[in-house]
């Protein structure tokens, strides 16, 4: 965030590297396709979203390195504010599955995001009350192989929201995985991290 005028303006950048206790290197931010200019000594505020935490710190510009590197060199932070917002990293998903309800019926669902401890599913009918315990089945793709991992686990309904996409009313339900076997959780967590490494934009 650049502090010019009455309201700070936020820009997107990428962390490149650092020399501990001396400086950080960031990709020089752009606005409307043009690299921004910064003054030596100018105050900036940096916020970093790691997936489960937001970190924030103030720094000052040491030097703007223009073409061909297009980097921003800023001072090393002396204090960092950290706020935890989630227990686990969550990524976007588009995975077909089956949900076993308490009345022993089964309904098709689509996982729209997933973490190592829960997921969100899209379903075309009411799936029951909050805190109801269900059985979720889905095949988790392996990113660098043609195989899939068959996952079966128990899940508790944490929230349900009525949505109305084209084609009729549907429900978005947040599910928390319960009594998860360690090997199943390892498979799910590995899939989430692999997706983040391959496609960072999948982060929710």
N, C-alpha and C. Protein backbone atom coordinates (compact mmCIF):
# COMPACT_ATOMS: atom_id res chain seq x y z
N UNK A 1 0.85 -1.17 0.00
CA UNK A 1 0.00 0.00 0.00
C UNK A 1 0.90 1.23 0.00
N UNK A 2 0.56 2.17 -0.88
CA UNK A 2 1.32 3.41 -0.97
C UNK A 2 0.52 4.52 -0.27
N UNK A 3 1.19 5.30 0.56
CA UNK A 3 0.51 6.30 1.39
C UNK A 3 0.69 7.70 0.80
N UNK A 4 0.00 7.96 -0.27
CA UNK A 4 0.00 9.30 -0.86
C UNK A 4 -1.44 9.81 -0.84
N UNK A 5 -1.63 11.03 -0.42
CA UNK A 5 -2.99 11.55 -0.32
C UNK A 5 -3.63 11.10 0.99
N UNK A 6 -4.95 11.24 1.05
CA UNK A 6 -5.68 10.95 2.29
C UNK A 6 -5.93 9.45 2.48
N UNK A 7 -6.04 8.71 1.38
CA UNK A 7 -6.39 7.30 1.46
C UNK A 7 -5.27 6.44 0.87
N UNK A 8 -4.74 5.46 1.62
CA UNK A 8 -3.73 4.56 1.07
C UNK A 8 -4.29 3.78 -0.13
N UNK A 9 -3.45 3.56 -1.13
CA UNK A 9 -3.85 2.84 -2.33
C UNK A 9 -3.12 1.50 -2.36
N UNK A 10 -3.87 0.44 -2.63
CA UNK A 10 -3.32 -0.91 -2.59
C UNK A 10 -2.98 -1.41 -3.99
N UNK A 11 -1.83 -2.07 -4.11
CA UNK A 11 -1.38 -2.65 -5.38
C UNK A 11 -0.92 -4.09 -5.13
N UNK A 12 -0.92 -4.88 -6.19
CA UNK A 12 -0.52 -6.28 -6.08
C UNK A 12 0.95 -6.43 -6.47
N UNK A 13 1.69 -7.18 -5.65
CA UNK A 13 3.10 -7.41 -5.93
C UNK A 13 3.45 -8.87 -5.61
N UNK A 14 4.71 -9.23 -5.84
CA UNK A 14 5.19 -10.59 -5.58
C UNK A 14 6.51 -10.51 -4.83
N UNK A 15 6.64 -11.31 -3.78
CA UNK A 15 7.89 -11.38 -3.01
C UNK A 15 8.94 -12.12 -3.82
N UNK A 16 10.14 -11.52 -3.95
CA UNK A 16 11.22 -12.14 -4.72
C UNK A 16 12.27 -12.76 -3.80
N UNK A 17 12.70 -11.99 -2.81
CA UNK A 17 13.75 -12.51 -1.93
C UNK A 17 14.14 -11.48 -0.89
N UNK A 18 15.17 -11.81 -0.09
CA UNK A 18 15.57 -10.89 0.98
C UNK A 18 17.01 -11.14 1.41
N UNK A 19 17.56 -10.14 2.04
CA UNK A 19 18.81 -10.26 2.78
C UNK A 19 18.42 -9.97 4.23
N UNK A 20 18.49 -10.99 5.09
CA UNK A 20 17.99 -10.88 6.45
C UNK A 20 18.56 -9.66 7.18
N UNK A 21 17.64 -8.93 7.83
CA UNK A 21 17.95 -7.73 8.61
C UNK A 21 18.45 -6.56 7.75
N UNK A 22 18.38 -6.68 6.43
CA UNK A 22 18.83 -5.59 5.58
C UNK A 22 17.74 -5.09 4.63
N UNK A 23 17.22 -5.96 3.77
CA UNK A 23 16.22 -5.50 2.80
C UNK A 23 15.38 -6.66 2.27
N UNK A 24 14.25 -6.29 1.66
CA UNK A 24 13.39 -7.23 0.93
C UNK A 24 13.32 -6.77 -0.52
N UNK A 25 13.17 -7.72 -1.43
CA UNK A 25 12.96 -7.41 -2.84
C UNK A 25 11.56 -7.83 -3.25
N UNK A 26 10.80 -6.90 -3.82
CA UNK A 26 9.45 -7.17 -4.32
C UNK A 26 9.40 -6.85 -5.80
N UNK A 27 8.48 -7.53 -6.50
CA UNK A 27 8.23 -7.17 -7.89
C UNK A 27 7.60 -5.79 -7.93
N UNK A 28 8.08 -4.92 -8.79
CA UNK A 28 7.55 -3.56 -8.88
C UNK A 28 6.09 -3.61 -9.32
N UNK A 29 5.18 -3.06 -8.50
CA UNK A 29 3.74 -3.13 -8.84
C UNK A 29 3.41 -2.35 -10.12
N UNK A 30 2.29 -2.74 -10.73
CA UNK A 30 1.80 -2.06 -11.92
C UNK A 30 0.44 -1.43 -11.64
N UNK A 31 0.13 -0.39 -12.40
CA UNK A 31 -1.21 0.20 -12.41
C UNK A 31 -1.57 0.48 -13.85
N UNK A 32 -2.64 -0.14 -14.32
CA UNK A 32 -3.08 -0.01 -15.71
C UNK A 32 -1.97 -0.37 -16.68
N UNK A 33 -1.23 -1.43 -16.34
CA UNK A 33 -0.20 -1.95 -17.23
C UNK A 33 1.13 -1.22 -17.18
N UNK A 34 1.25 -0.19 -16.34
CA UNK A 34 2.49 0.59 -16.25
C UNK A 34 3.12 0.43 -14.88
N UNK A 35 4.44 0.19 -14.84
CA UNK A 35 5.13 0.06 -13.57
C UNK A 35 5.07 1.38 -12.79
N UNK A 36 4.84 1.27 -11.49
CA UNK A 36 4.74 2.46 -10.64
C UNK A 36 6.12 3.02 -10.31
N UNK A 37 6.13 4.26 -9.90
CA UNK A 37 7.37 4.88 -9.42
C UNK A 37 7.25 5.12 -7.92
N UNK A 38 8.36 4.92 -7.20
CA UNK A 38 8.42 5.16 -5.76
C UNK A 38 9.61 6.05 -5.46
N UNK A 39 9.48 6.86 -4.42
CA UNK A 39 10.58 7.73 -4.00
C UNK A 39 11.43 7.01 -2.94
N UNK A 40 12.72 7.24 -2.99
CA UNK A 40 13.60 6.69 -1.96
C UNK A 40 13.16 7.25 -0.60
N UNK A 41 13.01 6.39 0.38
CA UNK A 41 12.57 6.80 1.71
C UNK A 41 11.07 6.83 1.89
N UNK A 42 10.31 6.59 0.82
CA UNK A 42 8.84 6.62 0.90
C UNK A 42 8.33 5.47 1.76
N UNK A 43 7.33 5.76 2.59
CA UNK A 43 6.73 4.73 3.43
C UNK A 43 5.76 3.87 2.63
N UNK A 44 5.85 2.56 2.82
CA UNK A 44 4.88 1.63 2.24
C UNK A 44 4.45 0.65 3.33
N UNK A 45 3.26 0.11 3.18
CA UNK A 45 2.77 -0.95 4.06
C UNK A 45 2.58 -2.21 3.23
N UNK A 46 3.12 -3.32 3.70
CA UNK A 46 3.05 -4.58 2.98
C UNK A 46 2.14 -5.54 3.73
N UNK A 47 1.20 -6.14 3.01
CA UNK A 47 0.34 -7.17 3.57
C UNK A 47 0.54 -8.46 2.79
N UNK A 48 0.69 -9.55 3.51
CA UNK A 48 0.95 -10.84 2.89
C UNK A 48 -0.12 -11.82 3.34
N UNK A 49 -0.79 -12.46 2.37
CA UNK A 49 -1.79 -13.49 2.68
C UNK A 49 -1.19 -14.84 2.39
N UNK A 50 -1.02 -15.67 3.44
CA UNK A 50 -0.38 -16.97 3.28
C UNK A 50 -1.37 -18.10 3.08
N UNK A 51 -2.66 -17.81 3.14
CA UNK A 51 -3.67 -18.85 3.03
C UNK A 51 -4.37 -19.09 4.35
N UNK A 52 -3.63 -19.02 5.46
CA UNK A 52 -4.24 -19.16 6.78
C UNK A 52 -3.98 -17.95 7.66
N UNK A 53 -3.06 -17.07 7.24
CA UNK A 53 -2.73 -15.90 8.05
C UNK A 53 -2.56 -14.66 7.16
N UNK A 54 -2.78 -13.49 7.76
CA UNK A 54 -2.45 -12.23 7.13
C UNK A 54 -1.37 -11.56 7.97
N UNK A 55 -0.25 -11.22 7.33
CA UNK A 55 0.83 -10.52 8.00
C UNK A 55 0.93 -9.11 7.43
N UNK A 56 1.26 -8.13 8.29
CA UNK A 56 1.33 -6.74 7.85
C UNK A 56 2.51 -6.05 8.52
N UNK A 57 3.22 -5.22 7.75
CA UNK A 57 4.32 -4.46 8.34
C UNK A 57 4.57 -3.20 7.51
N UNK A 58 5.15 -2.20 8.17
CA UNK A 58 5.55 -0.96 7.50
C UNK A 58 7.03 -1.05 7.12
N UNK A 59 7.36 -0.39 6.01
CA UNK A 59 8.75 -0.36 5.54
C UNK A 59 8.96 0.93 4.77
N UNK A 60 10.20 1.19 4.42
CA UNK A 60 10.52 2.35 3.61
C UNK A 60 11.27 1.90 2.36
N UNK A 61 11.08 2.65 1.30
CA UNK A 61 11.70 2.31 0.01
C UNK A 61 13.19 2.66 0.07
N UNK A 62 14.03 1.67 -0.25
CA UNK A 62 15.46 1.91 -0.35
C UNK A 62 15.83 2.34 -1.77
N UNK A 63 15.28 1.59 -2.74
CA UNK A 63 15.60 1.91 -4.14
C UNK A 63 14.59 1.26 -5.07
N UNK A 64 14.27 1.95 -6.14
CA UNK A 64 13.45 1.38 -7.21
C UNK A 64 14.39 0.94 -8.33
N UNK A 65 14.35 -0.32 -8.69
CA UNK A 65 15.22 -0.86 -9.73
C UNK A 65 14.37 -1.05 -10.99
N UNK A 66 14.62 -0.24 -11.98
CA UNK A 66 13.80 -0.23 -13.19
C UNK A 66 14.23 -1.32 -14.16
N UNK A 67 13.77 -1.22 -15.40
CA UNK A 67 14.04 -2.18 -16.47
C UNK A 67 15.53 -2.53 -16.53
N UNK A 68 15.92 -3.80 -16.68
CA UNK A 68 15.01 -4.92 -16.97
C UNK A 68 14.52 -5.69 -15.76
N UNK A 69 14.97 -5.35 -14.55
CA UNK A 69 14.61 -6.15 -13.37
C UNK A 69 13.24 -5.78 -12.82
N UNK A 70 12.90 -4.48 -12.81
CA UNK A 70 11.60 -4.01 -12.32
C UNK A 70 11.31 -4.53 -10.90
N UNK A 71 12.20 -4.15 -9.97
CA UNK A 71 12.07 -4.58 -8.57
C UNK A 71 11.95 -3.36 -7.66
N UNK A 72 11.40 -3.60 -6.49
CA UNK A 72 11.33 -2.58 -5.45
C UNK A 72 12.09 -3.10 -4.24
N UNK A 73 13.12 -2.38 -3.83
CA UNK A 73 13.92 -2.76 -2.67
C UNK A 73 13.43 -1.95 -1.47
N UNK A 74 12.96 -2.64 -0.42
CA UNK A 74 12.43 -1.96 0.76
C UNK A 74 13.16 -2.44 2.01
N UNK A 75 13.04 -1.67 3.07
CA UNK A 75 13.74 -1.99 4.31
C UNK A 75 13.18 -3.26 4.95
N UNK A 76 14.06 -3.94 5.66
CA UNK A 76 13.66 -5.17 6.36
C UNK A 76 12.78 -4.80 7.55
N UNK A 77 11.64 -5.48 7.74
CA UNK A 77 10.72 -5.09 8.83
C UNK A 77 11.29 -5.40 10.21
N UNK A 78 11.06 -4.48 11.14
CA UNK A 78 11.48 -4.70 12.53
C UNK A 78 10.35 -5.30 13.36
N UNK A 79 9.11 -5.12 12.92
CA UNK A 79 7.94 -5.68 13.63
C UNK A 79 6.90 -6.08 12.59
N UNK A 80 6.30 -7.24 12.80
CA UNK A 80 5.29 -7.77 11.88
C UNK A 80 4.03 -8.12 12.67
N UNK A 81 2.90 -7.62 12.23
CA UNK A 81 1.62 -7.98 12.84
C UNK A 81 1.05 -9.18 12.09
N UNK A 82 0.64 -10.20 12.84
CA UNK A 82 0.15 -11.43 12.24
C UNK A 82 -1.24 -11.74 12.79
N UNK A 83 -2.17 -12.03 11.90
CA UNK A 83 -3.52 -12.39 12.29
C UNK A 83 -3.90 -13.70 11.61
N UNK A 84 -4.24 -14.69 12.42
CA UNK A 84 -4.66 -15.98 11.86
C UNK A 84 -6.13 -15.90 11.48
N UNK A 85 -6.45 -16.29 10.26
CA UNK A 85 -7.84 -16.22 9.80
C UNK A 85 -8.43 -17.59 9.48
N UNK A 86 -7.59 -18.60 9.28
CA UNK A 86 -8.08 -19.94 8.99
C UNK A 86 -7.16 -20.97 9.61
N UNK A 87 -7.71 -22.16 9.84
CA UNK A 87 -6.86 -23.25 10.34
C UNK A 87 -6.05 -23.88 9.23
N UNK A 88 -6.62 -23.93 8.02
CA UNK A 88 -5.98 -24.62 6.91
C UNK A 88 -6.13 -23.82 5.62
N UNK A 89 -5.19 -23.99 4.71
CA UNK A 89 -5.31 -23.40 3.39
C UNK A 89 -6.47 -24.05 2.64
N UNK A 90 -7.21 -23.23 1.92
CA UNK A 90 -8.39 -23.70 1.17
C UNK A 90 -8.21 -23.32 -0.29
N UNK A 91 -8.52 -24.26 -1.20
CA UNK A 91 -8.36 -23.99 -2.63
C UNK A 91 -9.68 -24.22 -3.36
N UNK A 92 -9.79 -23.60 -4.52
CA UNK A 92 -10.94 -23.84 -5.38
C UNK A 92 -10.92 -25.28 -5.89
N UNK A 93 -12.10 -25.83 -6.13
CA UNK A 93 -12.18 -27.20 -6.62
C UNK A 93 -13.37 -27.34 -7.57
N UNK A 94 -13.34 -28.36 -8.37
CA UNK A 94 -14.46 -28.71 -9.26
C UNK A 94 -14.49 -30.23 -9.35
N UNK A 95 -14.93 -30.84 -8.24
CA UNK A 95 -14.85 -32.30 -8.08
C UNK A 95 -16.24 -32.85 -7.82
N UNK A 96 -16.66 -33.84 -8.61
CA UNK A 96 -17.95 -34.50 -8.41
C UNK A 96 -17.87 -35.47 -7.25
N UNK A 97 -18.96 -35.58 -6.48
CA UNK A 97 -18.99 -36.49 -5.35
C UNK A 97 -20.39 -36.95 -5.03
N UNK A 98 -20.49 -37.76 -4.00
CA UNK A 98 -21.77 -38.27 -3.51
C UNK A 98 -21.85 -38.02 -2.01
N UNK A 99 -23.03 -37.59 -1.56
CA UNK A 99 -23.23 -37.30 -0.14
C UNK A 99 -24.32 -38.21 0.40
N UNK A 100 -23.96 -39.02 1.40
CA UNK A 100 -24.92 -39.90 2.05
C UNK A 100 -25.59 -39.17 3.20
N UNK A 101 -26.93 -39.00 3.11
CA UNK A 101 -27.67 -38.23 4.10
C UNK A 101 -28.08 -39.11 5.28
N UNK A 102 -28.63 -38.46 6.31
CA UNK A 102 -29.02 -39.19 7.52
C UNK A 102 -30.19 -40.13 7.27
N UNK A 103 -31.02 -39.85 6.23
CA UNK A 103 -32.14 -40.74 5.92
C UNK A 103 -31.73 -41.88 4.99
N UNK A 104 -30.40 -42.05 4.83
CA UNK A 104 -29.80 -43.13 4.05
C UNK A 104 -29.96 -42.96 2.53
N UNK A 105 -30.43 -41.81 2.09
CA UNK A 105 -30.44 -41.52 0.66
C UNK A 105 -29.10 -40.89 0.27
N UNK A 106 -28.80 -40.95 -1.02
CA UNK A 106 -27.55 -40.40 -1.54
C UNK A 106 -27.85 -39.36 -2.60
N UNK A 107 -27.16 -38.23 -2.53
CA UNK A 107 -27.36 -37.16 -3.51
C UNK A 107 -26.03 -36.78 -4.14
N UNK A 108 -26.05 -36.43 -5.43
CA UNK A 108 -24.80 -35.96 -6.06
C UNK A 108 -24.47 -34.56 -5.60
N UNK A 109 -23.17 -34.28 -5.44
CA UNK A 109 -22.71 -32.95 -5.04
C UNK A 109 -21.50 -32.59 -5.88
N UNK A 110 -21.16 -31.31 -5.85
CA UNK A 110 -19.91 -30.85 -6.47
C UNK A 110 -19.11 -30.10 -5.42
N UNK A 111 -17.87 -30.53 -5.18
CA UNK A 111 -17.00 -29.81 -4.27
C UNK A 111 -16.49 -28.56 -4.97
N UNK A 112 -16.76 -27.39 -4.38
CA UNK A 112 -16.34 -26.13 -4.98
C UNK A 112 -15.07 -25.57 -4.34
N UNK A 113 -14.76 -25.99 -3.12
CA UNK A 113 -13.45 -25.72 -2.53
C UNK A 113 -13.16 -26.78 -1.50
N UNK A 114 -11.89 -26.90 -1.13
CA UNK A 114 -11.50 -27.99 -0.22
C UNK A 114 -10.24 -27.58 0.55
N UNK A 115 -10.17 -28.03 1.81
CA UNK A 115 -8.96 -27.91 2.62
C UNK A 115 -8.74 -29.25 3.29
N UNK A 116 -7.71 -29.35 4.12
CA UNK A 116 -7.44 -30.62 4.80
C UNK A 116 -8.46 -30.92 5.88
N UNK A 117 -9.28 -29.93 6.26
CA UNK A 117 -10.24 -30.14 7.36
C UNK A 117 -11.69 -29.95 6.95
N UNK A 118 -11.95 -29.62 5.70
CA UNK A 118 -13.34 -29.43 5.30
C UNK A 118 -13.46 -29.04 3.85
N UNK A 119 -14.70 -28.80 3.41
CA UNK A 119 -14.94 -28.42 2.03
C UNK A 119 -16.28 -27.71 1.91
N UNK A 120 -16.52 -27.13 0.76
CA UNK A 120 -17.83 -26.58 0.42
C UNK A 120 -18.37 -27.38 -0.74
N UNK A 121 -19.66 -27.74 -0.66
CA UNK A 121 -20.28 -28.50 -1.74
C UNK A 121 -21.50 -27.77 -2.26
N UNK A 122 -21.76 -27.96 -3.54
CA UNK A 122 -22.97 -27.46 -4.19
C UNK A 122 -23.90 -28.64 -4.39
N UNK A 123 -25.14 -28.50 -3.92
CA UNK A 123 -26.11 -29.61 -3.97
C UNK A 123 -27.48 -29.03 -4.32
N UNK A 124 -28.30 -29.82 -5.01
CA UNK A 124 -29.57 -29.28 -5.51
C UNK A 124 -30.76 -29.53 -4.58
N UNK A 125 -30.48 -29.95 -3.35
CA UNK A 125 -31.57 -30.13 -2.38
C UNK A 125 -31.07 -29.88 -0.97
N UNK A 126 -31.99 -29.70 -0.06
CA UNK A 126 -31.64 -29.51 1.34
C UNK A 126 -31.02 -30.79 1.88
N UNK A 127 -29.92 -30.66 2.62
CA UNK A 127 -29.21 -31.85 3.09
C UNK A 127 -29.39 -32.09 4.58
N UNK A 128 -30.23 -31.31 5.23
CA UNK A 128 -30.50 -31.55 6.64
C UNK A 128 -30.07 -30.39 7.52
N UNK A 129 -30.06 -30.64 8.82
CA UNK A 129 -29.82 -29.60 9.80
C UNK A 129 -28.33 -29.34 10.02
N UNK A 130 -28.05 -28.15 10.56
CA UNK A 130 -26.69 -27.81 10.97
C UNK A 130 -26.23 -28.80 12.05
N UNK A 131 -25.00 -29.23 11.97
CA UNK A 131 -24.38 -30.22 12.87
C UNK A 131 -24.77 -31.65 12.53
N UNK A 132 -25.59 -31.83 11.48
CA UNK A 132 -25.89 -33.19 11.03
C UNK A 132 -24.64 -33.85 10.48
N UNK A 133 -24.50 -35.14 10.73
CA UNK A 133 -23.30 -35.85 10.29
C UNK A 133 -23.62 -36.71 9.08
N UNK A 134 -22.85 -36.54 7.99
CA UNK A 134 -23.10 -37.19 6.72
C UNK A 134 -21.85 -37.95 6.27
N UNK A 135 -21.99 -38.69 5.17
CA UNK A 135 -20.85 -39.42 4.59
C UNK A 135 -20.59 -38.87 3.20
N UNK A 136 -19.35 -38.45 2.95
CA UNK A 136 -18.98 -37.86 1.67
C UNK A 136 -18.02 -38.78 0.94
N UNK A 137 -18.33 -39.01 -0.34
CA UNK A 137 -17.47 -39.82 -1.21
C UNK A 137 -17.08 -39.00 -2.43
N UNK A 138 -15.80 -39.02 -2.79
CA UNK A 138 -15.35 -38.36 -4.01
C UNK A 138 -14.00 -38.92 -4.43
N UNK A 139 -13.65 -38.72 -5.68
CA UNK A 139 -12.36 -39.15 -6.20
C UNK A 139 -11.46 -37.94 -6.34
N UNK A 140 -10.32 -37.98 -5.67
CA UNK A 140 -9.39 -36.86 -5.67
C UNK A 140 -8.34 -37.10 -6.76
N UNK A 141 -8.28 -36.22 -7.76
CA UNK A 141 -7.30 -36.43 -8.84
C UNK A 141 -5.87 -36.26 -8.34
N UNK A 142 -4.96 -36.99 -8.95
CA UNK A 142 -3.53 -36.82 -8.70
C UNK A 142 -2.98 -35.91 -9.78
N UNK A 143 -2.40 -34.78 -9.40
CA UNK A 143 -2.07 -33.73 -10.37
C UNK A 143 -1.09 -34.18 -11.44
N UNK A 144 -0.14 -35.03 -11.08
CA UNK A 144 0.91 -35.40 -12.03
C UNK A 144 0.79 -36.85 -12.47
N UNK A 145 -0.38 -37.44 -12.25
CA UNK A 145 -0.62 -38.82 -12.67
C UNK A 145 -2.04 -38.92 -13.21
N UNK A 146 -2.33 -40.04 -13.90
CA UNK A 146 -3.66 -40.25 -14.45
C UNK A 146 -4.60 -40.90 -13.44
N UNK A 147 -4.08 -41.30 -12.28
CA UNK A 147 -4.90 -42.01 -11.30
C UNK A 147 -5.64 -41.04 -10.39
N UNK A 148 -6.64 -41.57 -9.66
CA UNK A 148 -7.36 -40.80 -8.65
C UNK A 148 -7.35 -41.57 -7.34
N UNK A 149 -7.57 -40.86 -6.25
CA UNK A 149 -7.67 -41.48 -4.93
C UNK A 149 -9.12 -41.44 -4.48
N UNK A 150 -9.70 -42.61 -4.20
CA UNK A 150 -11.08 -42.68 -3.73
C UNK A 150 -11.12 -42.29 -2.26
N UNK A 151 -11.87 -41.24 -1.94
CA UNK A 151 -11.95 -40.73 -0.58
C UNK A 151 -13.36 -40.95 -0.03
N UNK A 152 -13.44 -41.55 1.14
CA UNK A 152 -14.70 -41.70 1.87
C UNK A 152 -14.46 -41.20 3.29
N UNK A 153 -15.31 -40.26 3.73
CA UNK A 153 -15.10 -39.70 5.06
C UNK A 153 -16.41 -39.19 5.64
N UNK A 154 -16.41 -39.03 6.93
CA UNK A 154 -17.57 -38.45 7.61
C UNK A 154 -17.40 -36.94 7.70
N UNK A 155 -18.53 -36.23 7.53
CA UNK A 155 -18.48 -34.77 7.54
C UNK A 155 -19.67 -34.22 8.31
N UNK A 156 -19.44 -33.11 9.01
CA UNK A 156 -20.50 -32.45 9.76
C UNK A 156 -20.90 -31.16 9.06
N UNK A 157 -22.21 -30.92 8.94
CA UNK A 157 -22.72 -29.71 8.29
C UNK A 157 -22.48 -28.52 9.21
N UNK A 158 -21.74 -27.51 8.71
CA UNK A 158 -21.45 -26.32 9.50
C UNK A 158 -22.29 -25.13 9.09
N UNK A 159 -22.62 -25.01 7.82
CA UNK A 159 -23.49 -23.94 7.35
C UNK A 159 -24.10 -24.31 6.01
N UNK A 160 -25.27 -23.75 5.72
CA UNK A 160 -25.96 -23.99 4.46
C UNK A 160 -26.53 -22.67 3.97
N UNK A 161 -26.27 -22.35 2.69
CA UNK A 161 -26.75 -21.11 2.10
C UNK A 161 -27.52 -21.44 0.83
N UNK A 162 -28.70 -20.86 0.69
CA UNK A 162 -29.51 -21.04 -0.51
C UNK A 162 -28.98 -20.14 -1.62
N UNK A 163 -28.71 -20.73 -2.77
CA UNK A 163 -28.28 -19.95 -3.94
C UNK A 163 -29.21 -20.27 -5.10
N UNK A 164 -29.17 -19.44 -6.12
CA UNK A 164 -30.09 -19.64 -7.25
C UNK A 164 -29.34 -19.47 -8.57
N UNK A 165 -28.49 -20.44 -8.92
CA UNK A 165 -27.82 -20.36 -10.22
C UNK A 165 -28.81 -20.63 -11.34
N UNK A 166 -28.39 -20.41 -12.59
CA UNK A 166 -29.27 -20.71 -13.72
C UNK A 166 -29.59 -22.20 -13.72
N UNK A 167 -30.84 -22.53 -13.76
CA UNK A 167 -31.25 -23.93 -13.73
C UNK A 167 -31.98 -24.30 -12.47
N UNK A 168 -32.17 -23.35 -11.54
CA UNK A 168 -32.96 -23.64 -10.35
C UNK A 168 -32.21 -23.44 -9.06
N UNK A 169 -32.96 -23.50 -7.95
CA UNK A 169 -32.38 -23.27 -6.64
C UNK A 169 -31.43 -24.40 -6.24
N UNK A 170 -30.33 -24.03 -5.61
CA UNK A 170 -29.38 -25.00 -5.10
C UNK A 170 -28.89 -24.51 -3.75
N UNK A 171 -28.10 -25.34 -3.09
CA UNK A 171 -27.58 -25.02 -1.77
C UNK A 171 -26.06 -25.14 -1.77
N UNK A 172 -25.39 -24.19 -1.12
CA UNK A 172 -23.97 -24.30 -0.84
C UNK A 172 -23.82 -24.67 0.63
N UNK A 173 -23.18 -25.78 0.89
CA UNK A 173 -23.04 -26.27 2.25
C UNK A 173 -21.57 -26.36 2.64
N UNK A 174 -21.24 -25.82 3.81
CA UNK A 174 -19.90 -25.95 4.35
C UNK A 174 -19.83 -27.19 5.23
N UNK A 175 -18.90 -28.08 4.93
CA UNK A 175 -18.76 -29.34 5.66
C UNK A 175 -17.41 -29.39 6.37
N UNK A 176 -17.43 -29.85 7.61
CA UNK A 176 -16.20 -30.08 8.37
C UNK A 176 -15.94 -31.57 8.44
N UNK A 177 -14.73 -32.00 8.05
CA UNK A 177 -14.38 -33.41 8.13
C UNK A 177 -14.22 -33.81 9.59
N UNK A 178 -14.78 -34.96 9.97
CA UNK A 178 -14.67 -35.45 11.34
C UNK A 178 -14.13 -36.87 11.34
N UNK A 179 -13.46 -37.22 12.44
CA UNK A 179 -12.89 -38.55 12.61
C UNK A 179 -12.10 -38.97 11.38
N UNK A 180 -11.29 -38.04 10.87
CA UNK A 180 -10.56 -38.28 9.63
C UNK A 180 -9.34 -39.15 9.89
N UNK A 181 -9.23 -40.23 9.15
CA UNK A 181 -8.06 -41.09 9.27
C UNK A 181 -6.82 -40.32 8.81
N UNK A 182 -5.69 -40.59 9.45
CA UNK A 182 -4.48 -39.81 9.18
C UNK A 182 -4.03 -39.95 7.73
N UNK A 183 -4.16 -41.15 7.14
CA UNK A 183 -3.72 -41.32 5.75
C UNK A 183 -4.62 -40.56 4.78
N UNK A 184 -5.93 -40.48 5.09
CA UNK A 184 -6.86 -39.73 4.23
C UNK A 184 -6.55 -38.24 4.33
N UNK A 185 -6.34 -37.75 5.54
CA UNK A 185 -6.01 -36.33 5.70
C UNK A 185 -4.71 -35.99 4.99
N UNK A 186 -3.74 -36.90 5.03
CA UNK A 186 -2.47 -36.67 4.35
C UNK A 186 -2.67 -36.57 2.84
N UNK A 187 -3.53 -37.41 2.28
CA UNK A 187 -3.80 -37.37 0.84
C UNK A 187 -4.45 -36.04 0.46
N UNK A 188 -5.44 -35.62 1.26
CA UNK A 188 -6.15 -34.36 0.97
C UNK A 188 -5.20 -33.17 1.10
N UNK A 189 -4.42 -33.15 2.19
CA UNK A 189 -3.49 -32.03 2.41
C UNK A 189 -2.44 -31.97 1.30
N UNK A 190 -1.95 -33.11 0.87
CA UNK A 190 -0.96 -33.15 -0.21
C UNK A 190 -1.57 -32.60 -1.49
N UNK A 191 -2.82 -32.95 -1.78
CA UNK A 191 -3.49 -32.44 -2.98
C UNK A 191 -3.62 -30.91 -2.92
N UNK A 192 -4.02 -30.38 -1.76
CA UNK A 192 -4.17 -28.94 -1.60
C UNK A 192 -2.84 -28.23 -1.85
N UNK A 193 -1.76 -28.71 -1.24
CA UNK A 193 -0.46 -28.06 -1.39
C UNK A 193 0.08 -28.19 -2.81
N UNK A 194 -0.16 -29.33 -3.45
CA UNK A 194 0.27 -29.50 -4.83
C UNK A 194 -0.44 -28.51 -5.74
N UNK A 195 -1.74 -28.29 -5.50
CA UNK A 195 -2.49 -27.31 -6.30
C UNK A 195 -1.93 -25.91 -6.09
N UNK A 196 -1.55 -25.58 -4.86
CA UNK A 196 -1.00 -24.26 -4.58
C UNK A 196 0.34 -24.06 -5.27
N UNK A 197 1.15 -25.09 -5.31
CA UNK A 197 2.45 -25.00 -5.97
C UNK A 197 2.27 -24.81 -7.47
N UNK A 198 1.32 -25.58 -8.06
CA UNK A 198 1.11 -25.52 -9.50
C UNK A 198 0.35 -24.28 -9.94
N UNK A 199 -0.69 -23.91 -9.16
CA UNK A 199 -1.57 -22.81 -9.56
C UNK A 199 -1.95 -22.02 -8.33
N UNK A 200 -1.17 -21.00 -8.01
CA UNK A 200 -1.39 -20.22 -6.80
C UNK A 200 -2.74 -19.52 -6.80
N UNK A 201 -3.30 -19.24 -8.01
CA UNK A 201 -4.56 -18.53 -8.09
C UNK A 201 -5.74 -19.38 -7.59
N UNK A 202 -5.49 -20.68 -7.32
CA UNK A 202 -6.56 -21.53 -6.80
C UNK A 202 -6.87 -21.24 -5.34
N UNK A 203 -6.03 -20.45 -4.68
CA UNK A 203 -6.24 -20.16 -3.26
C UNK A 203 -7.53 -19.39 -3.06
N UNK A 204 -8.34 -19.83 -2.07
CA UNK A 204 -9.61 -19.18 -1.78
C UNK A 204 -9.41 -18.22 -0.61
